[in-house]
């Protein structure tokens, strides 16, 4: 686990994001500039990673646990390399992120997921996330999930 990405390099983050980009329902590169996003994560995010023996990132959970709104952390990204999926890395890293948020005395964590991403939806619901409905939802096409401590 790496909190606030002290030990992970921007190059590692950018390389990982570039690899997993095309595996998202909507590729990251269609929503954001990957090098800019990698820098933002490095500078501001709480990042939990699973690495191989060579320091290559296999799985990542990244989000924000500082300067939160309404004492709610936010998970911005959960991704695992295709060849490393099915090993429980995503679930393990989300649990680590939840633990960090709880230790910071936050009230909960929220995340957005694409409804037809069945593995992600199943994982979040198994971890205790619940669907959250807002009147003026910022991302109405996605499912808003929240975990409360």
N, C-alpha and C. Protein backbone atom coordinates (compact mmCIF):
# COMPACT_ATOMS: atom_id res chain seq x y z
N UNK A 1 0.84 -1.17 0.00
CA UNK A 1 0.00 0.00 0.00
C UNK A 1 0.89 1.24 0.00
N UNK A 2 0.51 2.21 -0.79
CA UNK A 2 1.27 3.45 -0.85
C UNK A 2 0.28 4.59 -0.63
N UNK A 3 0.42 5.28 0.48
CA UNK A 3 -0.46 6.40 0.73
C UNK A 3 0.19 7.66 0.19
N UNK A 4 -0.58 8.44 -0.54
CA UNK A 4 -0.13 9.68 -1.16
C UNK A 4 1.06 9.47 -2.09
N UNK A 5 1.18 8.27 -2.59
CA UNK A 5 2.14 7.91 -3.64
C UNK A 5 3.57 8.36 -3.37
N UNK A 6 4.01 8.26 -2.12
CA UNK A 6 5.38 8.68 -1.78
C UNK A 6 6.44 7.81 -2.45
N UNK A 7 6.17 6.51 -2.58
CA UNK A 7 7.19 5.60 -3.09
C UNK A 7 7.02 5.24 -4.55
N UNK A 8 5.92 5.57 -5.13
CA UNK A 8 5.64 5.21 -6.51
C UNK A 8 6.00 6.40 -7.41
N UNK A 9 6.51 6.12 -8.57
CA UNK A 9 6.92 7.21 -9.46
C UNK A 9 5.80 7.58 -10.44
N UNK A 10 5.87 8.77 -10.93
CA UNK A 10 4.89 9.21 -11.94
C UNK A 10 5.01 8.34 -13.19
N UNK A 11 6.23 7.90 -13.49
CA UNK A 11 6.43 7.03 -14.66
C UNK A 11 5.70 5.70 -14.48
N UNK A 12 5.74 5.13 -13.28
CA UNK A 12 5.02 3.89 -13.01
C UNK A 12 3.51 4.09 -13.17
N UNK A 13 3.02 5.19 -12.64
CA UNK A 13 1.58 5.48 -12.72
C UNK A 13 1.17 5.66 -14.17
N UNK A 14 1.91 6.49 -14.90
CA UNK A 14 1.57 6.76 -16.30
C UNK A 14 1.64 5.49 -17.15
N UNK A 15 2.65 4.67 -16.93
CA UNK A 15 2.77 3.41 -17.68
C UNK A 15 1.55 2.52 -17.41
N UNK A 16 1.17 2.38 -16.15
CA UNK A 16 0.02 1.55 -15.79
C UNK A 16 -1.26 2.09 -16.43
N UNK A 17 -1.49 3.40 -16.29
CA UNK A 17 -2.70 4.00 -16.86
C UNK A 17 -2.76 3.82 -18.37
N UNK A 18 -1.61 3.94 -19.03
CA UNK A 18 -1.57 3.76 -20.49
C UNK A 18 -1.93 2.33 -20.89
N UNK A 19 -1.52 1.37 -20.08
CA UNK A 19 -1.84 -0.03 -20.38
C UNK A 19 -3.32 -0.33 -20.16
N UNK A 20 -3.87 0.12 -19.02
CA UNK A 20 -5.27 -0.22 -18.69
C UNK A 20 -6.28 0.67 -19.41
N UNK A 21 -5.82 1.73 -20.00
CA UNK A 21 -6.68 2.71 -20.68
C UNK A 21 -7.79 2.07 -21.50
N UNK A 22 -7.44 1.19 -22.40
CA UNK A 22 -8.40 0.63 -23.35
C UNK A 22 -9.35 -0.39 -22.74
N UNK A 23 -9.10 -0.80 -21.50
CA UNK A 23 -9.95 -1.81 -20.88
C UNK A 23 -11.13 -1.23 -20.10
N UNK A 24 -11.18 0.07 -19.95
CA UNK A 24 -12.33 0.71 -19.29
C UNK A 24 -13.50 0.77 -20.26
N UNK A 25 -14.73 0.72 -19.75
CA UNK A 25 -15.90 0.84 -20.64
C UNK A 25 -15.82 2.09 -21.52
N UNK A 26 -15.37 3.19 -20.93
CA UNK A 26 -15.03 4.40 -21.67
C UNK A 26 -13.54 4.62 -21.40
N UNK A 27 -12.68 4.50 -22.42
CA UNK A 27 -11.24 4.63 -22.18
C UNK A 27 -10.88 5.91 -21.43
N UNK A 28 -9.93 5.81 -20.52
CA UNK A 28 -9.47 6.97 -19.76
C UNK A 28 -9.05 8.10 -20.69
N UNK A 29 -8.38 7.74 -21.78
CA UNK A 29 -7.85 8.75 -22.70
C UNK A 29 -8.96 9.54 -23.40
N UNK A 30 -10.19 9.05 -23.36
CA UNK A 30 -11.32 9.81 -23.92
C UNK A 30 -11.88 10.79 -22.90
N UNK A 31 -11.54 10.59 -21.63
CA UNK A 31 -12.07 11.44 -20.57
C UNK A 31 -11.03 12.41 -20.00
N UNK A 32 -9.76 12.04 -20.15
CA UNK A 32 -8.72 12.85 -19.52
C UNK A 32 -7.39 12.66 -20.26
N UNK A 33 -6.47 13.56 -20.02
CA UNK A 33 -5.12 13.45 -20.54
C UNK A 33 -4.33 12.57 -19.56
N UNK A 34 -3.88 11.42 -20.01
CA UNK A 34 -3.26 10.45 -19.10
C UNK A 34 -2.03 11.00 -18.37
N UNK A 35 -1.08 11.67 -19.04
CA UNK A 35 0.06 12.21 -18.29
C UNK A 35 -0.36 13.24 -17.22
N UNK A 36 -1.34 14.07 -17.54
CA UNK A 36 -1.84 15.06 -16.57
C UNK A 36 -2.52 14.35 -15.40
N UNK A 37 -3.33 13.34 -15.71
CA UNK A 37 -4.02 12.57 -14.67
C UNK A 37 -3.00 11.84 -13.79
N UNK A 38 -1.97 11.27 -14.39
CA UNK A 38 -0.93 10.58 -13.61
C UNK A 38 -0.27 11.55 -12.64
N UNK A 39 0.02 12.75 -13.09
CA UNK A 39 0.63 13.78 -12.23
C UNK A 39 -0.32 14.15 -11.09
N UNK A 40 -1.61 14.31 -11.41
CA UNK A 40 -2.60 14.65 -10.37
C UNK A 40 -2.65 13.55 -9.31
N UNK A 41 -2.68 12.30 -9.75
CA UNK A 41 -2.70 11.20 -8.79
C UNK A 41 -1.44 11.22 -7.93
N UNK A 42 -0.30 11.37 -8.55
CA UNK A 42 0.97 11.39 -7.82
C UNK A 42 0.99 12.49 -6.77
N UNK A 43 0.50 13.67 -7.14
CA UNK A 43 0.56 14.83 -6.26
C UNK A 43 -0.52 14.87 -5.19
N UNK A 44 -1.72 14.34 -5.49
CA UNK A 44 -2.85 14.58 -4.59
C UNK A 44 -3.59 13.35 -4.10
N UNK A 45 -3.35 12.21 -4.69
CA UNK A 45 -4.19 11.05 -4.38
C UNK A 45 -3.58 10.14 -3.33
N UNK A 46 -4.45 9.38 -2.72
CA UNK A 46 -4.08 8.23 -1.92
C UNK A 46 -4.08 7.06 -2.89
N UNK A 47 -2.95 6.40 -3.02
CA UNK A 47 -2.81 5.33 -4.01
C UNK A 47 -2.43 4.03 -3.31
N UNK A 48 -3.20 3.00 -3.60
CA UNK A 48 -2.89 1.65 -3.11
C UNK A 48 -2.58 0.81 -4.34
N UNK A 49 -1.47 0.10 -4.32
CA UNK A 49 -1.08 -0.69 -5.49
C UNK A 49 -0.64 -2.10 -5.10
N UNK A 50 -0.77 -2.98 -6.06
CA UNK A 50 -0.17 -4.32 -6.01
C UNK A 50 0.87 -4.32 -7.12
N UNK A 51 2.11 -4.66 -6.76
CA UNK A 51 3.20 -4.66 -7.73
C UNK A 51 3.79 -6.07 -7.86
N UNK A 52 4.43 -6.31 -9.00
CA UNK A 52 5.17 -7.56 -9.16
C UNK A 52 6.58 -7.37 -8.59
N UNK A 53 7.40 -8.40 -8.69
CA UNK A 53 8.75 -8.36 -8.11
C UNK A 53 9.66 -7.34 -8.79
N UNK A 54 9.28 -6.86 -9.98
CA UNK A 54 10.08 -5.86 -10.69
C UNK A 54 9.56 -4.44 -10.51
N UNK A 55 8.55 -4.26 -9.65
CA UNK A 55 8.00 -2.94 -9.41
C UNK A 55 6.98 -2.49 -10.42
N UNK A 56 6.53 -3.40 -11.28
CA UNK A 56 5.47 -3.06 -12.23
C UNK A 56 4.13 -3.14 -11.52
N UNK A 57 3.30 -2.14 -11.74
CA UNK A 57 1.99 -2.12 -11.10
C UNK A 57 1.07 -3.12 -11.79
N UNK A 58 0.48 -4.00 -10.98
CA UNK A 58 -0.48 -4.98 -11.47
C UNK A 58 -1.91 -4.51 -11.27
N UNK A 59 -2.12 -3.75 -10.19
CA UNK A 59 -3.46 -3.28 -9.84
C UNK A 59 -3.34 -2.00 -9.03
N UNK A 60 -4.34 -1.12 -9.16
CA UNK A 60 -4.29 0.16 -8.47
C UNK A 60 -5.69 0.59 -8.05
N UNK A 61 -5.76 1.15 -6.85
CA UNK A 61 -6.94 1.87 -6.38
C UNK A 61 -6.43 3.25 -5.99
N UNK A 62 -6.98 4.28 -6.59
CA UNK A 62 -6.52 5.64 -6.31
C UNK A 62 -7.72 6.55 -6.10
N UNK A 63 -7.56 7.46 -5.17
CA UNK A 63 -8.64 8.41 -4.90
C UNK A 63 -8.18 9.47 -3.93
N UNK A 64 -9.14 10.17 -3.37
CA UNK A 64 -8.82 11.35 -2.59
C UNK A 64 -9.38 11.22 -1.17
N UNK A 65 -8.49 11.35 -0.19
CA UNK A 65 -8.88 11.24 1.21
C UNK A 65 -8.56 12.52 1.98
N UNK A 66 -8.02 13.50 1.32
CA UNK A 66 -7.71 14.79 1.94
C UNK A 66 -8.55 15.87 1.26
N UNK A 67 -8.84 16.94 1.99
CA UNK A 67 -9.63 18.06 1.45
C UNK A 67 -10.94 17.55 0.84
N UNK A 68 -11.63 16.72 1.59
CA UNK A 68 -12.85 16.09 1.10
C UNK A 68 -14.06 16.99 1.28
N UNK A 69 -15.12 16.66 0.57
CA UNK A 69 -16.40 17.36 0.71
C UNK A 69 -17.29 16.48 1.57
N UNK A 70 -17.88 17.07 2.61
CA UNK A 70 -18.77 16.35 3.52
C UNK A 70 -18.12 15.11 4.13
N UNK A 71 -16.83 15.17 4.37
CA UNK A 71 -16.08 14.07 5.00
C UNK A 71 -16.23 12.76 4.24
N UNK A 72 -16.31 12.85 2.91
CA UNK A 72 -16.44 11.68 2.05
C UNK A 72 -15.21 11.56 1.16
N UNK A 73 -14.50 10.45 1.29
CA UNK A 73 -13.40 10.18 0.36
C UNK A 73 -14.00 9.81 -0.99
N UNK A 74 -13.19 9.87 -2.02
CA UNK A 74 -13.67 9.56 -3.37
C UNK A 74 -12.66 8.65 -4.07
N UNK A 75 -13.14 7.52 -4.57
CA UNK A 75 -12.29 6.63 -5.36
C UNK A 75 -12.42 7.05 -6.82
N UNK A 76 -11.32 7.44 -7.40
CA UNK A 76 -11.28 7.91 -8.78
C UNK A 76 -11.00 6.78 -9.76
N UNK A 77 -10.25 5.77 -9.32
CA UNK A 77 -9.80 4.73 -10.24
C UNK A 77 -9.58 3.42 -9.51
N UNK A 78 -10.09 2.35 -10.08
CA UNK A 78 -9.74 0.99 -9.67
C UNK A 78 -9.49 0.23 -10.96
N UNK A 79 -8.30 -0.33 -11.11
CA UNK A 79 -7.97 -1.05 -12.34
C UNK A 79 -6.95 -2.13 -12.05
N UNK A 80 -7.05 -3.21 -12.82
CA UNK A 80 -6.12 -4.33 -12.73
C UNK A 80 -5.76 -4.76 -14.14
N UNK A 81 -4.49 -5.05 -14.36
CA UNK A 81 -4.07 -5.55 -15.66
C UNK A 81 -4.87 -6.81 -15.99
N UNK A 82 -5.26 -6.99 -17.25
CA UNK A 82 -6.08 -8.16 -17.62
C UNK A 82 -5.47 -9.49 -17.17
N UNK A 83 -4.16 -9.63 -17.32
CA UNK A 83 -3.52 -10.90 -16.95
C UNK A 83 -3.44 -11.11 -15.44
N UNK A 84 -3.76 -10.08 -14.65
CA UNK A 84 -3.73 -10.20 -13.19
C UNK A 84 -5.13 -10.20 -12.58
N UNK A 85 -6.14 -10.15 -13.41
CA UNK A 85 -7.51 -10.14 -12.90
C UNK A 85 -7.89 -11.51 -12.34
N UNK A 86 -8.88 -11.50 -11.46
CA UNK A 86 -9.36 -12.74 -10.86
C UNK A 86 -8.55 -13.20 -9.66
N UNK A 87 -7.62 -12.39 -9.21
CA UNK A 87 -6.77 -12.75 -8.07
C UNK A 87 -7.15 -11.98 -6.80
N UNK A 88 -8.19 -11.14 -6.90
CA UNK A 88 -8.64 -10.40 -5.73
C UNK A 88 -7.89 -9.12 -5.44
N UNK A 89 -7.03 -8.69 -6.37
CA UNK A 89 -6.25 -7.48 -6.13
C UNK A 89 -7.13 -6.24 -5.99
N UNK A 90 -8.10 -6.08 -6.87
CA UNK A 90 -8.96 -4.90 -6.81
C UNK A 90 -9.67 -4.81 -5.48
N UNK A 91 -10.26 -5.90 -5.05
CA UNK A 91 -10.98 -5.94 -3.78
C UNK A 91 -10.04 -5.63 -2.61
N UNK A 92 -8.87 -6.23 -2.63
CA UNK A 92 -7.88 -6.00 -1.57
C UNK A 92 -7.50 -4.53 -1.50
N UNK A 93 -7.27 -3.91 -2.65
CA UNK A 93 -6.83 -2.51 -2.67
C UNK A 93 -7.95 -1.56 -2.28
N UNK A 94 -9.19 -1.86 -2.68
CA UNK A 94 -10.32 -1.02 -2.25
C UNK A 94 -10.46 -1.12 -0.73
N UNK A 95 -10.29 -2.30 -0.16
CA UNK A 95 -10.34 -2.46 1.30
C UNK A 95 -9.26 -1.61 1.96
N UNK A 96 -8.05 -1.61 1.40
CA UNK A 96 -6.97 -0.79 1.95
C UNK A 96 -7.33 0.69 1.90
N UNK A 97 -7.93 1.11 0.77
CA UNK A 97 -8.35 2.50 0.63
C UNK A 97 -9.40 2.84 1.69
N UNK A 98 -10.37 1.94 1.89
CA UNK A 98 -11.40 2.15 2.91
C UNK A 98 -10.76 2.29 4.30
N UNK A 99 -9.77 1.45 4.59
CA UNK A 99 -9.08 1.52 5.88
C UNK A 99 -8.39 2.87 6.08
N UNK A 100 -7.76 3.36 5.04
CA UNK A 100 -7.08 4.67 5.12
C UNK A 100 -8.10 5.77 5.39
N UNK A 101 -9.22 5.74 4.65
CA UNK A 101 -10.26 6.76 4.84
C UNK A 101 -10.82 6.70 6.26
N UNK A 102 -11.03 5.51 6.77
CA UNK A 102 -11.57 5.36 8.12
C UNK A 102 -10.58 5.89 9.16
N UNK A 103 -9.29 5.60 8.98
CA UNK A 103 -8.26 6.09 9.90
C UNK A 103 -8.17 7.61 9.90
N UNK A 104 -8.60 8.22 8.80
CA UNK A 104 -8.60 9.68 8.71
C UNK A 104 -9.91 10.26 9.23
N UNK A 105 -10.72 9.43 9.88
CA UNK A 105 -12.00 9.82 10.50
C UNK A 105 -13.01 10.37 9.50
N UNK A 106 -12.95 9.88 8.27
CA UNK A 106 -13.95 10.28 7.29
C UNK A 106 -15.23 9.48 7.53
N UNK A 107 -16.34 9.99 7.01
CA UNK A 107 -17.64 9.34 7.22
C UNK A 107 -17.92 8.24 6.22
N UNK A 108 -17.25 8.28 5.08
CA UNK A 108 -17.51 7.28 4.06
C UNK A 108 -16.67 7.50 2.82
N UNK A 109 -16.96 6.69 1.82
CA UNK A 109 -16.24 6.73 0.54
C UNK A 109 -17.26 6.58 -0.57
N UNK A 110 -17.11 7.37 -1.63
CA UNK A 110 -18.00 7.18 -2.77
C UNK A 110 -17.21 6.94 -4.04
N UNK A 111 -17.89 6.30 -4.99
CA UNK A 111 -17.27 5.89 -6.24
C UNK A 111 -18.36 5.85 -7.30
N UNK A 112 -17.98 6.04 -8.55
CA UNK A 112 -18.90 5.87 -9.67
C UNK A 112 -18.47 4.63 -10.44
N UNK A 113 -19.46 3.89 -10.93
CA UNK A 113 -19.18 2.70 -11.73
C UNK A 113 -20.16 2.65 -12.89
N UNK A 114 -19.74 2.00 -13.96
CA UNK A 114 -20.62 1.79 -15.11
C UNK A 114 -21.48 0.57 -14.80
N UNK A 115 -22.78 0.73 -14.94
CA UNK A 115 -23.73 -0.33 -14.55
C UNK A 115 -23.43 -1.68 -15.20
N UNK A 116 -23.04 -1.67 -16.48
CA UNK A 116 -22.81 -2.95 -17.15
C UNK A 116 -21.42 -3.54 -16.88
N UNK A 117 -20.63 -2.89 -16.03
CA UNK A 117 -19.36 -3.46 -15.59
C UNK A 117 -19.66 -4.38 -14.40
N UNK A 118 -20.17 -5.55 -14.72
CA UNK A 118 -20.66 -6.49 -13.71
C UNK A 118 -19.61 -6.87 -12.66
N UNK A 119 -18.36 -7.17 -13.06
CA UNK A 119 -17.37 -7.50 -12.02
C UNK A 119 -17.17 -6.37 -11.00
N UNK A 120 -17.10 -5.12 -11.48
CA UNK A 120 -16.91 -3.99 -10.58
C UNK A 120 -18.13 -3.81 -9.68
N UNK A 121 -19.31 -3.87 -10.26
CA UNK A 121 -20.54 -3.72 -9.46
C UNK A 121 -20.62 -4.80 -8.39
N UNK A 122 -20.31 -6.02 -8.76
CA UNK A 122 -20.35 -7.14 -7.81
C UNK A 122 -19.34 -6.92 -6.67
N UNK A 123 -18.13 -6.47 -7.03
CA UNK A 123 -17.10 -6.23 -6.02
C UNK A 123 -17.53 -5.14 -5.04
N UNK A 124 -17.99 -4.00 -5.57
CA UNK A 124 -18.38 -2.90 -4.69
C UNK A 124 -19.52 -3.31 -3.77
N UNK A 125 -20.51 -3.98 -4.31
CA UNK A 125 -21.65 -4.39 -3.49
C UNK A 125 -21.22 -5.43 -2.46
N UNK A 126 -20.31 -6.34 -2.80
CA UNK A 126 -19.81 -7.33 -1.84
C UNK A 126 -19.02 -6.66 -0.71
N UNK A 127 -18.38 -5.54 -1.01
CA UNK A 127 -17.63 -4.81 0.01
C UNK A 127 -18.53 -3.97 0.91
N UNK A 128 -19.79 -3.82 0.54
CA UNK A 128 -20.71 -3.04 1.37
C UNK A 128 -21.09 -1.68 0.81
N UNK A 129 -20.68 -1.37 -0.41
CA UNK A 129 -21.11 -0.13 -1.05
C UNK A 129 -22.59 -0.27 -1.40
N UNK A 130 -23.31 0.83 -1.30
CA UNK A 130 -24.73 0.85 -1.65
C UNK A 130 -24.98 1.94 -2.68
N UNK A 131 -25.98 1.71 -3.50
CA UNK A 131 -26.34 2.72 -4.51
C UNK A 131 -26.82 3.98 -3.81
N UNK A 132 -26.43 5.09 -4.41
CA UNK A 132 -26.76 6.39 -3.84
C UNK A 132 -27.40 7.22 -4.93
N UNK A 133 -28.52 7.81 -4.63
CA UNK A 133 -29.25 8.59 -5.63
C UNK A 133 -29.29 10.05 -5.20
N UNK A 134 -28.88 10.92 -6.11
CA UNK A 134 -28.92 12.36 -5.89
C UNK A 134 -29.85 12.99 -6.92
N UNK A 135 -30.54 14.02 -6.50
CA UNK A 135 -31.48 14.69 -7.41
C UNK A 135 -30.76 15.25 -8.64
N UNK A 136 -29.68 15.94 -8.45
CA UNK A 136 -28.93 16.54 -9.56
C UNK A 136 -27.58 15.84 -9.70
N UNK A 137 -27.64 14.57 -10.01
CA UNK A 137 -26.43 13.75 -10.11
C UNK A 137 -25.47 14.30 -11.16
N UNK A 138 -24.19 14.38 -10.80
CA UNK A 138 -23.17 14.89 -11.72
C UNK A 138 -22.90 13.94 -12.88
N UNK A 139 -23.07 12.66 -12.64
CA UNK A 139 -22.81 11.65 -13.67
C UNK A 139 -24.01 10.71 -13.76
N UNK A 140 -25.11 11.19 -14.31
CA UNK A 140 -26.36 10.41 -14.29
C UNK A 140 -26.31 9.09 -15.05
N UNK A 141 -25.37 8.92 -15.96
CA UNK A 141 -25.28 7.65 -16.70
C UNK A 141 -24.53 6.57 -15.92
N UNK A 142 -23.84 6.96 -14.87
CA UNK A 142 -23.09 6.01 -14.05
C UNK A 142 -23.84 5.72 -12.76
N UNK A 143 -23.47 4.63 -12.12
CA UNK A 143 -24.04 4.27 -10.82
C UNK A 143 -23.17 4.91 -9.74
N UNK A 144 -23.81 5.65 -8.85
CA UNK A 144 -23.12 6.29 -7.75
C UNK A 144 -23.25 5.36 -6.54
N UNK A 145 -22.12 4.95 -6.00
CA UNK A 145 -22.09 4.03 -4.87
C UNK A 145 -21.42 4.70 -3.68
N UNK A 146 -21.90 4.38 -2.49
CA UNK A 146 -21.32 4.96 -1.28
C UNK A 146 -21.13 3.88 -0.22
N UNK A 147 -20.04 4.02 0.51
CA UNK A 147 -19.74 3.14 1.63
C UNK A 147 -19.68 4.03 2.87
N UNK A 148 -20.45 3.69 3.88
CA UNK A 148 -20.46 4.48 5.12
C UNK A 148 -19.79 3.71 6.25
N UNK A 149 -19.02 4.44 7.05
CA UNK A 149 -18.37 3.83 8.22
C UNK A 149 -19.30 3.85 9.41
